[in-house]
Amino acid sequence: MNSSNIAVIALVFLVGLVLGGAGIWLFGRRRTPTPRDPAPKPPSTGPSFRLSFIALPGAVALATIVTLVILYPLLPAEIAFRFSSSGEPRGTIGSGLFVGLMIGAQFIVVGLAAAIAFGIVNMARRMIKDSPTAINPGSIIWLMVNMLVLPQLIVAFVALDAAYYAHAETHIMTPWLFSILAIGVGTLMIIVLFARSFTETRRAK
């Protein structure tokens, strides 16, 4: 994963956070009742943290860690971990250090997901506090948190591909190609899911 991939992922993530924050504000803001409006509902206490927000990054992390632990005894002392766009190795690293870094990266992503979930939930509670039309924007919060799964999947693929390359001296798919495909498909899915969440939230309101 080169600097260009990282920049694109960061941009997608920031855009997603902005869209999610705008969605929470838009659908949670106070609306002035009109004569045709029904009686206002009691104020909502707002959303709360749920384990389902981080279930997906947790599952990806668990699957990656278990696979690396199983494959570790089969790895040579040194493995290639950096590759050109054509799949040629450009650098090696000790297998123990590599596996440790990849496992650590998965724990970091899950920790970041939990921190972001708590932060967004607290922000949402403040933004829709005492709103008579407030709803629980759980789907938007879930989507904002799970945008981290995109870089997490790329890191997981890099780890598993390096282990596979050390054994077979060929790639499942070049990390560069996988990164491009993951970023493209992930961006489209984020746009579609945000649009769907906004539509469902508007109907619920």
N, C-alpha and C. Protein backbone atom coordinates (compact mmCIF):
# COMPACT_ATOMS: atom_id res chain seq x y z
N MET A 1 0.86 -1.19 0.00
CA MET A 1 0.00 0.00 0.00
C MET A 1 0.89 1.23 0.00
N ASN A 2 0.90 1.98 -1.11
CA ASN A 2 1.78 3.12 -1.22
C ASN A 2 1.11 4.39 -0.71
N SER A 3 1.86 5.51 -0.83
CA SER A 3 1.35 6.77 -0.29
C SER A 3 0.10 7.25 -1.03
N SER A 4 0.00 6.95 -2.32
CA SER A 4 -1.20 7.35 -3.07
C SER A 4 -2.44 6.63 -2.55
N ASN A 5 -2.31 5.32 -2.28
CA ASN A 5 -3.43 4.56 -1.72
C ASN A 5 -3.85 5.13 -0.38
N ILE A 6 -2.86 5.44 0.46
CA ILE A 6 -3.14 5.98 1.79
C ILE A 6 -3.87 7.32 1.68
N ALA A 7 -3.42 8.17 0.75
CA ALA A 7 -4.06 9.47 0.57
C ALA A 7 -5.51 9.33 0.12
N VAL A 8 -5.77 8.40 -0.81
CA VAL A 8 -7.13 8.18 -1.29
C VAL A 8 -8.02 7.65 -0.17
N ILE A 9 -7.51 6.68 0.60
CA ILE A 9 -8.28 6.13 1.71
C ILE A 9 -8.61 7.22 2.73
N ALA A 10 -7.60 8.05 3.05
CA ALA A 10 -7.82 9.13 4.01
C ALA A 10 -8.88 10.10 3.50
N LEU A 11 -8.84 10.42 2.20
CA LEU A 11 -9.82 11.33 1.62
C LEU A 11 -11.23 10.74 1.69
N VAL A 12 -11.35 9.45 1.33
CA VAL A 12 -12.66 8.79 1.39
C VAL A 12 -13.19 8.79 2.82
N PHE A 13 -12.31 8.51 3.77
CA PHE A 13 -12.72 8.46 5.17
C PHE A 13 -13.19 9.82 5.66
N LEU A 14 -12.44 10.88 5.32
CA LEU A 14 -12.82 12.22 5.75
C LEU A 14 -14.14 12.66 5.13
N VAL A 15 -14.31 12.36 3.83
CA VAL A 15 -15.58 12.69 3.17
C VAL A 15 -16.73 11.95 3.85
N GLY A 16 -16.51 10.68 4.19
CA GLY A 16 -17.54 9.91 4.87
C GLY A 16 -17.91 10.49 6.22
N LEU A 17 -16.90 10.93 6.98
CA LEU A 17 -17.17 11.54 8.28
C LEU A 17 -17.99 12.82 8.11
N VAL A 18 -17.64 13.61 7.11
CA VAL A 18 -18.38 14.84 6.87
C VAL A 18 -19.83 14.54 6.48
N LEU A 19 -20.02 13.58 5.58
CA LEU A 19 -21.37 13.21 5.17
C LEU A 19 -22.18 12.66 6.34
N GLY A 20 -21.54 11.82 7.16
CA GLY A 20 -22.24 11.25 8.31
C GLY A 20 -22.62 12.31 9.32
N GLY A 21 -21.68 13.23 9.61
CA GLY A 21 -21.99 14.30 10.54
C GLY A 21 -23.11 15.19 10.04
N ALA A 22 -23.08 15.47 8.72
CA ALA A 22 -24.15 16.28 8.13
C ALA A 22 -25.48 15.56 8.22
N GLY A 23 -25.46 14.23 8.00
CA GLY A 23 -26.69 13.46 8.07
C GLY A 23 -27.28 13.45 9.48
N ILE A 24 -26.42 13.26 10.47
CA ILE A 24 -26.90 13.25 11.86
C ILE A 24 -27.50 14.60 12.22
N TRP A 25 -26.83 15.69 11.80
CA TRP A 25 -27.35 17.02 12.10
C TRP A 25 -28.66 17.28 11.37
N LEU A 26 -28.72 16.89 10.09
CA LEU A 26 -29.90 17.16 9.27
C LEU A 26 -31.13 16.46 9.80
N PHE A 27 -30.98 15.17 10.16
CA PHE A 27 -32.15 14.40 10.57
C PHE A 27 -32.45 14.48 12.05
N GLY A 28 -31.55 15.11 12.81
CA GLY A 28 -31.80 15.22 14.23
C GLY A 28 -32.13 16.62 14.69
N ARG A 29 -32.09 17.61 13.79
CA ARG A 29 -32.31 18.98 14.21
C ARG A 29 -33.78 19.20 14.59
N ARG A 30 -33.98 20.22 15.38
CA ARG A 30 -35.34 20.54 15.84
C ARG A 30 -36.16 21.10 14.68
N ARG A 31 -37.38 20.64 14.55
CA ARG A 31 -38.29 21.14 13.53
C ARG A 31 -39.47 21.82 14.20
N THR A 32 -39.83 22.99 13.71
CA THR A 32 -40.95 23.73 14.29
C THR A 32 -42.27 23.10 13.87
N PRO A 33 -43.10 22.66 14.82
CA PRO A 33 -44.37 22.00 14.47
C PRO A 33 -45.30 22.96 13.73
N THR A 34 -46.06 22.45 12.83
CA THR A 34 -47.09 23.21 12.11
C THR A 34 -48.45 22.65 12.53
N PRO A 35 -49.55 23.37 12.18
CA PRO A 35 -50.88 22.87 12.58
C PRO A 35 -51.16 21.46 12.08
N ARG A 36 -50.60 21.05 10.97
CA ARG A 36 -50.86 19.73 10.44
C ARG A 36 -49.96 18.67 11.05
N ASP A 37 -48.95 19.10 11.75
CA ASP A 37 -48.03 18.14 12.35
C ASP A 37 -48.67 17.44 13.53
N PRO A 38 -48.35 16.18 13.78
CA PRO A 38 -48.83 15.51 14.99
C PRO A 38 -48.16 16.11 16.22
N ALA A 39 -48.68 15.77 17.37
CA ALA A 39 -48.09 16.26 18.61
C ALA A 39 -46.65 15.78 18.71
N PRO A 40 -45.75 16.68 19.17
CA PRO A 40 -44.35 16.29 19.27
C PRO A 40 -44.15 15.08 20.17
N LYS A 41 -43.19 14.24 19.77
CA LYS A 41 -42.86 13.08 20.60
C LYS A 41 -42.00 13.51 21.77
N PRO A 42 -41.99 12.73 22.84
CA PRO A 42 -41.12 13.06 23.96
C PRO A 42 -39.67 13.12 23.49
N PRO A 43 -38.84 13.98 24.10
CA PRO A 43 -37.45 14.08 23.71
C PRO A 43 -36.74 12.74 23.77
N SER A 44 -35.90 12.49 22.78
CA SER A 44 -35.16 11.24 22.72
C SER A 44 -33.85 11.37 23.48
N THR A 45 -33.43 10.31 24.11
CA THR A 45 -32.15 10.32 24.81
C THR A 45 -30.99 10.17 23.85
N GLY A 46 -31.28 9.92 22.59
CA GLY A 46 -30.23 9.81 21.59
C GLY A 46 -29.67 8.42 21.48
N PRO A 47 -28.73 8.24 20.55
CA PRO A 47 -28.16 6.91 20.32
C PRO A 47 -27.21 6.51 21.43
N SER A 48 -26.92 5.25 21.50
CA SER A 48 -25.96 4.73 22.48
C SER A 48 -25.01 3.77 21.78
N PHE A 49 -23.86 3.55 22.39
CA PHE A 49 -22.86 2.66 21.80
C PHE A 49 -23.37 1.22 21.79
N ARG A 50 -23.17 0.54 20.67
CA ARG A 50 -23.54 -0.87 20.55
C ARG A 50 -22.36 -1.65 19.99
N LEU A 51 -22.20 -2.88 20.44
CA LEU A 51 -21.11 -3.71 19.94
C LEU A 51 -21.24 -3.98 18.45
N SER A 52 -22.47 -3.89 17.92
CA SER A 52 -22.65 -4.12 16.49
C SER A 52 -21.91 -3.08 15.65
N PHE A 53 -21.62 -1.91 16.23
CA PHE A 53 -20.89 -0.89 15.50
C PHE A 53 -19.49 -1.37 15.12
N ILE A 54 -18.88 -2.19 15.98
CA ILE A 54 -17.50 -2.63 15.73
C ILE A 54 -17.40 -4.13 15.45
N ALA A 55 -18.56 -4.77 15.21
CA ALA A 55 -18.55 -6.22 14.97
C ALA A 55 -17.80 -6.57 13.68
N LEU A 56 -17.97 -5.77 12.63
CA LEU A 56 -17.32 -6.09 11.35
C LEU A 56 -15.80 -5.94 11.42
N PRO A 57 -15.26 -4.81 11.89
CA PRO A 57 -13.80 -4.75 12.03
C PRO A 57 -13.27 -5.79 13.01
N GLY A 58 -14.05 -6.13 14.03
CA GLY A 58 -13.63 -7.18 14.96
C GLY A 58 -13.55 -8.53 14.28
N ALA A 59 -14.52 -8.83 13.42
CA ALA A 59 -14.52 -10.11 12.70
C ALA A 59 -13.36 -10.19 11.71
N VAL A 60 -13.09 -9.08 11.00
CA VAL A 60 -11.96 -9.06 10.06
C VAL A 60 -10.65 -9.25 10.80
N ALA A 61 -10.51 -8.57 11.94
CA ALA A 61 -9.29 -8.69 12.73
C ALA A 61 -9.11 -10.12 13.24
N LEU A 62 -10.18 -10.71 13.74
CA LEU A 62 -10.09 -12.07 14.28
C LEU A 62 -9.70 -13.06 13.19
N ALA A 63 -10.34 -12.96 12.03
CA ALA A 63 -10.03 -13.88 10.93
C ALA A 63 -8.58 -13.72 10.48
N THR A 64 -8.10 -12.48 10.39
CA THR A 64 -6.72 -12.23 9.96
C THR A 64 -5.72 -12.76 10.97
N ILE A 65 -5.97 -12.50 12.25
CA ILE A 65 -5.04 -12.94 13.30
C ILE A 65 -4.97 -14.45 13.37
N VAL A 66 -6.13 -15.11 13.34
CA VAL A 66 -6.14 -16.58 13.40
C VAL A 66 -5.38 -17.17 12.22
N THR A 67 -5.60 -16.61 11.02
CA THR A 67 -4.92 -17.12 9.83
C THR A 67 -3.41 -16.94 9.93
N LEU A 68 -2.97 -15.77 10.39
CA LEU A 68 -1.53 -15.52 10.52
C LEU A 68 -0.89 -16.43 11.57
N VAL A 69 -1.60 -16.66 12.65
CA VAL A 69 -1.06 -17.56 13.69
C VAL A 69 -0.91 -18.98 13.15
N ILE A 70 -1.88 -19.41 12.36
CA ILE A 70 -1.80 -20.76 11.76
C ILE A 70 -0.65 -20.85 10.76
N LEU A 71 -0.46 -19.78 9.97
CA LEU A 71 0.55 -19.81 8.92
C LEU A 71 1.97 -19.53 9.44
N TYR A 72 2.08 -18.92 10.60
CA TYR A 72 3.40 -18.49 11.08
C TYR A 72 4.44 -19.61 11.13
N PRO A 73 4.11 -20.81 11.63
CA PRO A 73 5.15 -21.86 11.66
C PRO A 73 5.64 -22.29 10.28
N LEU A 74 4.87 -22.00 9.24
CA LEU A 74 5.24 -22.40 7.88
C LEU A 74 6.08 -21.34 7.16
N LEU A 75 6.26 -20.17 7.76
CA LEU A 75 6.96 -19.08 7.10
C LEU A 75 8.47 -19.22 7.24
N PRO A 76 9.21 -18.77 6.24
CA PRO A 76 10.67 -18.72 6.37
C PRO A 76 11.08 -17.60 7.32
N ALA A 77 12.38 -17.55 7.64
CA ALA A 77 12.86 -16.53 8.57
C ALA A 77 12.66 -15.13 8.03
N GLU A 78 12.86 -14.94 6.72
CA GLU A 78 12.68 -13.65 6.06
C GLU A 78 11.60 -13.78 4.99
N ILE A 79 10.70 -12.82 4.94
CA ILE A 79 9.66 -12.84 3.90
C ILE A 79 9.60 -11.48 3.22
N ALA A 80 9.21 -11.48 1.95
CA ALA A 80 9.02 -10.23 1.21
C ALA A 80 7.70 -9.60 1.64
N PHE A 81 7.73 -8.30 1.84
CA PHE A 81 6.50 -7.62 2.27
C PHE A 81 6.19 -6.39 1.44
N ARG A 82 7.17 -5.89 0.68
CA ARG A 82 6.94 -4.76 -0.21
C ARG A 82 7.10 -5.25 -1.65
N PHE A 83 6.14 -4.86 -2.51
CA PHE A 83 6.15 -5.34 -3.88
C PHE A 83 5.90 -4.17 -4.82
N SER A 84 6.43 -4.27 -6.04
CA SER A 84 6.15 -3.29 -7.08
C SER A 84 4.75 -3.51 -7.62
N SER A 85 4.31 -2.61 -8.51
CA SER A 85 2.98 -2.75 -9.09
C SER A 85 2.85 -4.03 -9.91
N SER A 86 3.99 -4.56 -10.39
CA SER A 86 3.98 -5.80 -11.16
C SER A 86 4.09 -7.04 -10.27
N GLY A 87 4.29 -6.84 -8.96
CA GLY A 87 4.36 -7.96 -8.04
C GLY A 87 5.75 -8.42 -7.69
N GLU A 88 6.79 -7.68 -8.13
CA GLU A 88 8.17 -8.06 -7.81
C GLU A 88 8.52 -7.59 -6.41
N PRO A 89 9.19 -8.45 -5.61
CA PRO A 89 9.54 -8.05 -4.24
C PRO A 89 10.54 -6.91 -4.21
N ARG A 90 10.36 -5.98 -3.27
CA ARG A 90 11.24 -4.83 -3.13
C ARG A 90 11.88 -4.73 -1.75
N GLY A 91 11.44 -5.55 -0.82
CA GLY A 91 12.00 -5.51 0.53
C GLY A 91 11.60 -6.72 1.33
N THR A 92 12.42 -7.10 2.29
CA THR A 92 12.12 -8.24 3.14
C THR A 92 12.13 -7.81 4.61
N ILE A 93 11.57 -8.67 5.43
CA ILE A 93 11.49 -8.41 6.87
C ILE A 93 11.43 -9.74 7.58
N GLY A 94 11.87 -9.78 8.83
CA GLY A 94 11.77 -11.00 9.62
C GLY A 94 10.32 -11.43 9.76
N SER A 95 10.06 -12.72 9.63
CA SER A 95 8.67 -13.19 9.66
C SER A 95 8.00 -12.91 11.00
N GLY A 96 8.75 -13.05 12.10
CA GLY A 96 8.17 -12.79 13.41
C GLY A 96 7.77 -11.33 13.58
N LEU A 97 8.66 -10.42 13.15
CA LEU A 97 8.35 -8.99 13.23
C LEU A 97 7.18 -8.64 12.32
N PHE A 98 7.16 -9.21 11.13
CA PHE A 98 6.08 -8.92 10.18
C PHE A 98 4.73 -9.35 10.74
N VAL A 99 4.65 -10.59 11.23
CA VAL A 99 3.39 -11.08 11.78
C VAL A 99 2.97 -10.24 12.99
N GLY A 100 3.93 -9.87 13.82
CA GLY A 100 3.61 -9.03 14.97
C GLY A 100 3.05 -7.68 14.56
N LEU A 101 3.65 -7.06 13.54
CA LEU A 101 3.17 -5.77 13.06
C LEU A 101 1.77 -5.87 12.47
N MET A 102 1.53 -6.94 11.70
CA MET A 102 0.22 -7.10 11.07
C MET A 102 -0.87 -7.37 12.10
N ILE A 103 -0.54 -8.17 13.12
CA ILE A 103 -1.51 -8.41 14.19
C ILE A 103 -1.75 -7.12 14.98
N GLY A 104 -0.67 -6.40 15.25
CA GLY A 104 -0.81 -5.13 15.96
C GLY A 104 -1.67 -4.14 15.19
N ALA A 105 -1.51 -4.11 13.87
CA ALA A 105 -2.31 -3.21 13.04
C ALA A 105 -3.80 -3.53 13.15
N GLN A 106 -4.14 -4.82 13.23
CA GLN A 106 -5.53 -5.21 13.36
C GLN A 106 -6.12 -4.76 14.70
N PHE A 107 -5.33 -4.91 15.76
CA PHE A 107 -5.79 -4.43 17.07
C PHE A 107 -5.98 -2.92 17.06
N ILE A 108 -5.07 -2.21 16.40
CA ILE A 108 -5.17 -0.75 16.34
C ILE A 108 -6.44 -0.33 15.62
N VAL A 109 -6.76 -1.00 14.51
CA VAL A 109 -7.97 -0.65 13.76
C VAL A 109 -9.22 -0.87 14.61
N VAL A 110 -9.28 -1.99 15.32
CA VAL A 110 -10.45 -2.26 16.16
C VAL A 110 -10.54 -1.20 17.27
N GLY A 111 -9.39 -0.84 17.86
CA GLY A 111 -9.39 0.20 18.89
C GLY A 111 -9.86 1.54 18.34
N LEU A 112 -9.38 1.88 17.14
CA LEU A 112 -9.82 3.13 16.51
C LEU A 112 -11.31 3.10 16.21
N ALA A 113 -11.80 1.95 15.76
CA ALA A 113 -13.23 1.83 15.47
C ALA A 113 -14.06 2.07 16.73
N ALA A 114 -13.63 1.49 17.84
CA ALA A 114 -14.35 1.69 19.10
C ALA A 114 -14.30 3.15 19.53
N ALA A 115 -13.12 3.77 19.41
CA ALA A 115 -12.98 5.17 19.80
C ALA A 115 -13.85 6.07 18.92
N ILE A 116 -13.85 5.82 17.61
CA ILE A 116 -14.67 6.62 16.70
C ILE A 116 -16.16 6.42 17.01
N ALA A 117 -16.54 5.16 17.30
CA ALA A 117 -17.94 4.89 17.62
C ALA A 117 -18.39 5.68 18.86
N PHE A 118 -17.57 5.64 19.92
CA PHE A 118 -17.91 6.39 21.13
C PHE A 118 -17.98 7.88 20.83
N GLY A 119 -17.00 8.38 20.05
CA GLY A 119 -16.97 9.80 19.74
C GLY A 119 -18.17 10.25 18.93
N ILE A 120 -18.54 9.47 17.92
CA ILE A 120 -19.67 9.85 17.08
C ILE A 120 -20.98 9.74 17.86
N VAL A 121 -21.11 8.71 18.70
CA VAL A 121 -22.32 8.57 19.51
C VAL A 121 -22.49 9.79 20.43
N ASN A 122 -21.40 10.19 21.07
CA ASN A 122 -21.47 11.35 21.97
C ASN A 122 -21.80 12.62 21.18
N MET A 123 -21.21 12.77 19.99
CA MET A 123 -21.50 13.92 19.16
C MET A 123 -22.97 13.92 18.75
N ALA A 124 -23.47 12.74 18.35
CA ALA A 124 -24.86 12.65 17.92
C ALA A 124 -25.82 12.97 19.07
N ARG A 125 -25.50 12.51 20.26
CA ARG A 125 -26.37 12.78 21.41
C ARG A 125 -26.46 14.28 21.68
N ARG A 126 -25.33 14.99 21.52
CA ARG A 126 -25.35 16.44 21.74
C ARG A 126 -26.10 17.16 20.63
N MET A 127 -25.94 16.67 19.38
CA MET A 127 -26.56 17.36 18.25
C MET A 127 -28.07 17.21 18.21
N ILE A 128 -28.59 16.08 18.71
CA ILE A 128 -30.04 15.86 18.64
C ILE A 128 -30.69 15.92 20.01
N LYS A 129 -29.98 16.49 20.97
CA LYS A 129 -30.49 16.57 22.34
C LYS A 129 -31.78 17.37 22.39
N ASP A 130 -32.79 16.80 23.06
CA ASP A 130 -34.09 17.45 23.28
C ASP A 130 -34.82 17.77 21.99
N SER A 131 -34.47 17.11 20.89
CA SER A 131 -35.19 17.36 19.63
C SER A 131 -36.48 16.55 19.62
N PRO A 132 -37.62 17.19 19.37
CA PRO A 132 -38.88 16.44 19.38
C PRO A 132 -39.00 15.46 18.23
N THR A 133 -38.21 15.62 17.19
CA THR A 133 -38.28 14.70 16.07
C THR A 133 -37.01 13.86 15.97
N ALA A 134 -36.25 13.82 17.04
CA ALA A 134 -34.98 13.10 16.98
C ALA A 134 -35.23 11.60 16.80
N ILE A 135 -34.37 10.98 16.01
CA ILE A 135 -34.41 9.55 15.81
C ILE A 135 -33.04 9.00 16.14
N ASN A 136 -32.95 7.69 16.22
CA ASN A 136 -31.67 7.05 16.49
C ASN A 136 -30.95 6.80 15.16
N PRO A 137 -29.89 7.57 14.87
CA PRO A 137 -29.22 7.43 13.57
C PRO A 137 -28.21 6.28 13.58
N GLY A 138 -28.64 5.12 14.04
CA GLY A 138 -27.73 3.99 14.20
C GLY A 138 -27.08 3.54 12.91
N SER A 139 -27.84 3.56 11.80
CA SER A 139 -27.28 3.08 10.54
C SER A 139 -26.18 4.00 10.03
N ILE A 140 -26.35 5.31 10.24
CA ILE A 140 -25.32 6.26 9.80
C ILE A 140 -24.07 6.10 10.65
N ILE A 141 -24.25 5.94 11.97
CA ILE A 141 -23.09 5.75 12.85
C ILE A 141 -22.35 4.47 12.49
N TRP A 142 -23.10 3.39 12.25
CA TRP A 142 -22.47 2.12 11.86
C TRP A 142 -21.63 2.30 10.60
N LEU A 143 -22.17 3.01 9.62
CA LEU A 143 -21.45 3.19 8.37
C LEU A 143 -20.20 4.03 8.56
N MET A 144 -20.29 5.09 9.36
CA MET A 144 -19.13 5.94 9.60
C MET A 144 -18.01 5.16 10.29
N VAL A 145 -18.37 4.34 11.25
CA VAL A 145 -17.37 3.55 11.97
C VAL A 145 -16.74 2.51 11.05
N ASN A 146 -17.57 1.85 10.24
CA ASN A 146 -17.09 0.73 9.44
C ASN A 146 -16.38 1.14 8.16
N MET A 147 -16.23 2.45 7.92
CA MET A 147 -15.38 2.88 6.83
C MET A 147 -13.92 2.47 7.09
N LEU A 148 -13.58 2.23 8.35
CA LEU A 148 -12.23 1.77 8.67
C LEU A 148 -11.95 0.37 8.12
N VAL A 149 -13.00 -0.35 7.79
CA VAL A 149 -12.80 -1.71 7.28
C VAL A 149 -12.08 -1.70 5.94
N LEU A 150 -12.22 -0.62 5.17
CA LEU A 150 -11.54 -0.55 3.86
C LEU A 150 -10.02 -0.62 4.01
N PRO A 151 -9.37 0.28 4.76
CA PRO A 151 -7.92 0.11 4.93
C PRO A 151 -7.57 -1.16 5.70
N GLN A 152 -8.46 -1.61 6.60
CA GLN A 152 -8.20 -2.83 7.35
C GLN A 152 -8.11 -4.03 6.42
N LEU A 153 -9.01 -4.11 5.45
CA LEU A 153 -8.98 -5.21 4.49
C LEU A 153 -7.72 -5.18 3.63
N ILE A 154 -7.27 -3.98 3.26
CA ILE A 154 -6.05 -3.87 2.47
C ILE A 154 -4.85 -4.36 3.27
N VAL A 155 -4.76 -3.95 4.54
CA VAL A 155 -3.66 -4.41 5.40
C VAL A 155 -3.72 -5.92 5.57
N ALA A 156 -4.93 -6.45 5.77
CA ALA A 156 -5.08 -7.90 5.93
C ALA A 156 -4.65 -8.63 4.67
N PHE A 157 -5.02 -8.10 3.52
CA PHE A 157 -4.62 -8.75 2.27
C PHE A 157 -3.11 -8.71 2.10
N VAL A 158 -2.49 -7.58 2.40
CA VAL A 158 -1.03 -7.48 2.30
C VAL A 158 -0.36 -8.53 3.16
N ALA A 159 -0.87 -8.73 4.38
CA ALA A 159 -0.30 -9.72 5.28
C ALA A 159 -0.46 -11.14 4.73
N LEU A 160 -1.67 -11.48 4.31
CA LEU A 160 -1.92 -12.84 3.83
C LEU A 160 -1.23 -13.11 2.49
N ASP A 161 -1.16 -12.08 1.64
CA ASP A 161 -0.48 -12.26 0.36
C ASP A 161 1.01 -12.47 0.55
N ALA A 162 1.60 -11.73 1.51
CA ALA A 162 3.03 -11.91 1.79
C ALA A 162 3.31 -13.33 2.29
N ALA A 163 2.43 -13.84 3.15
CA ALA A 163 2.59 -15.21 3.63
C ALA A 163 2.44 -16.22 2.51
N TYR A 164 1.49 -15.96 1.63
CA TYR A 164 1.28 -16.87 0.49
C TYR A 164 2.46 -16.81 -0.47
N TYR A 165 2.98 -15.61 -0.72
CA TYR A 165 4.12 -15.45 -1.62
C TYR A 165 5.35 -16.15 -1.07
N ALA A 166 5.55 -16.11 0.24
CA ALA A 166 6.70 -16.77 0.85
C ALA A 166 6.64 -18.28 0.63
N HIS A 167 5.44 -18.82 0.52
CA HIS A 167 5.28 -20.27 0.35
C HIS A 167 5.26 -20.67 -1.13
N ALA A 168 4.54 -19.91 -1.96
CA ALA A 168 4.33 -20.31 -3.35
C ALA A 168 5.12 -19.49 -4.36
N GLU A 169 5.72 -18.38 -3.92
CA GLU A 169 6.46 -17.47 -4.79
C GLU A 169 5.60 -16.93 -5.93
N THR A 170 4.36 -16.74 -5.65
CA THR A 170 3.43 -16.08 -6.56
C THR A 170 2.36 -15.39 -5.72
N HIS A 171 1.60 -14.51 -6.34
CA HIS A 171 0.60 -13.73 -5.61
C HIS A 171 -0.80 -14.29 -5.81
N ILE A 172 -1.64 -14.13 -4.79
CA ILE A 172 -3.07 -14.35 -4.96
C ILE A 172 -3.58 -13.30 -5.96
N MET A 173 -3.18 -12.08 -5.73
CA MET A 173 -3.41 -10.91 -6.59
C MET A 173 -2.37 -9.89 -6.13
N THR A 174 -1.82 -9.11 -7.04
CA THR A 174 -0.81 -8.14 -6.60
C THR A 174 -1.45 -7.16 -5.61
N PRO A 175 -0.74 -6.82 -4.53
CA PRO A 175 -1.31 -5.88 -3.55
C PRO A 175 -1.74 -4.57 -4.17
N TRP A 176 -1.00 -4.10 -5.18
CA TRP A 176 -1.37 -2.84 -5.85
C TRP A 176 -2.74 -2.97 -6.51
N LEU A 177 -2.97 -4.06 -7.24
CA LEU A 177 -4.25 -4.25 -7.91
C LEU A 177 -5.38 -4.41 -6.90
N PHE A 178 -5.12 -5.17 -5.84
CA PHE A 178 -6.15 -5.35 -4.81
C PHE A 178 -6.50 -4.01 -4.17
N SER A 179 -5.49 -3.18 -3.90
CA SER A 179 -5.75 -1.88 -3.28
C SER A 179 -6.62 -1.01 -4.18
N ILE A 180 -6.31 -0.99 -5.48
CA ILE A 180 -7.10 -0.19 -6.42
C ILE A 180 -8.55 -0.68 -6.46
N LEU A 181 -8.73 -2.00 -6.56
CA LEU A 181 -10.08 -2.56 -6.61
C LEU A 181 -10.83 -2.29 -5.31
N ALA A 182 -10.15 -2.47 -4.18
CA ALA A 182 -10.80 -2.27 -2.88
C ALA A 182 -11.22 -0.82 -2.70
N ILE A 183 -10.36 0.12 -3.10
CA ILE A 183 -10.69 1.53 -2.96
C ILE A 183 -11.87 1.89 -3.86
N GLY A 184 -11.85 1.40 -5.11
CA GLY A 184 -12.94 1.71 -6.03
C GLY A 184 -14.26 1.13 -5.58
N VAL A 185 -14.28 -0.18 -5.27
CA VAL A 185 -15.52 -0.82 -4.84
C VAL A 185 -15.97 -0.26 -3.49
N GLY A 186 -15.03 -0.05 -2.57
CA GLY A 186 -15.38 0.48 -1.26
C GLY A 186 -15.99 1.86 -1.33
N THR A 187 -15.45 2.72 -2.20
CA THR A 187 -15.99 4.07 -2.35
C THR A 187 -17.42 4.03 -2.88
N LEU A 188 -17.66 3.19 -3.87
CA LEU A 188 -19.02 3.06 -4.41
C LEU A 188 -19.99 2.55 -3.35
N MET A 189 -19.56 1.56 -2.57
CA MET A 189 -20.42 1.02 -1.52
C MET A 189 -20.73 2.06 -0.46
N ILE A 190 -19.73 2.88 -0.10
CA ILE A 190 -19.95 3.92 0.90
C ILE A 190 -21.00 4.92 0.40
N ILE A 191 -20.88 5.32 -0.87
CA ILE A 191 -21.84 6.27 -1.44
C ILE A 191 -23.24 5.67 -1.45
N VAL A 192 -23.36 4.42 -1.89
CA VAL A 192 -24.67 3.77 -1.96
C VAL A 192 -25.28 3.61 -0.57
N LEU A 193 -24.47 3.17 0.39
CA LEU A 193 -24.98 2.95 1.75
C LEU A 193 -25.37 4.25 2.43
N PHE A 194 -24.58 5.32 2.20
CA PHE A 194 -24.96 6.61 2.76
C PHE A 194 -26.29 7.08 2.17
N ALA A 195 -26.44 6.95 0.85
CA ALA A 195 -27.69 7.36 0.21
C ALA A 195 -28.87 6.55 0.76
N ARG A 196 -28.65 5.25 0.95
CA ARG A 196 -29.72 4.40 1.47
C ARG A 196 -30.06 4.78 2.91
N SER A 197 -29.02 5.05 3.73
CA SER A 197 -29.25 5.42 5.12
C SER A 197 -30.02 6.74 5.21
N PHE A 198 -29.64 7.72 4.38
CA PHE A 198 -30.34 9.00 4.40
C PHE A 198 -31.80 8.83 3.99
N THR A 199 -32.04 7.99 2.97
CA THR A 199 -33.41 7.77 2.50
C THR A 199 -34.24 7.11 3.58
N GLU A 200 -33.70 6.07 4.22
CA GLU A 200 -34.45 5.37 5.26
C GLU A 200 -34.70 6.29 6.46
N THR A 201 -33.70 7.10 6.79
CA THR A 201 -33.86 8.01 7.92
C THR A 201 -34.92 9.06 7.63
N ARG A 202 -34.93 9.59 6.41
CA ARG A 202 -35.93 10.59 6.03
C ARG A 202 -37.34 9.99 6.09
N ARG A 203 -37.48 8.76 5.61
CA ARG A 203 -38.80 8.11 5.66
C ARG A 203 -39.24 7.87 7.09
N ALA A 204 -38.29 7.45 7.93
CA ALA A 204 -38.64 7.19 9.34
C ALA A 204 -39.06 8.45 10.05
N LYS A 205 -38.49 9.56 9.60
CA LYS A 205 -38.82 10.84 10.23
C LYS A 205 -40.17 11.34 9.78
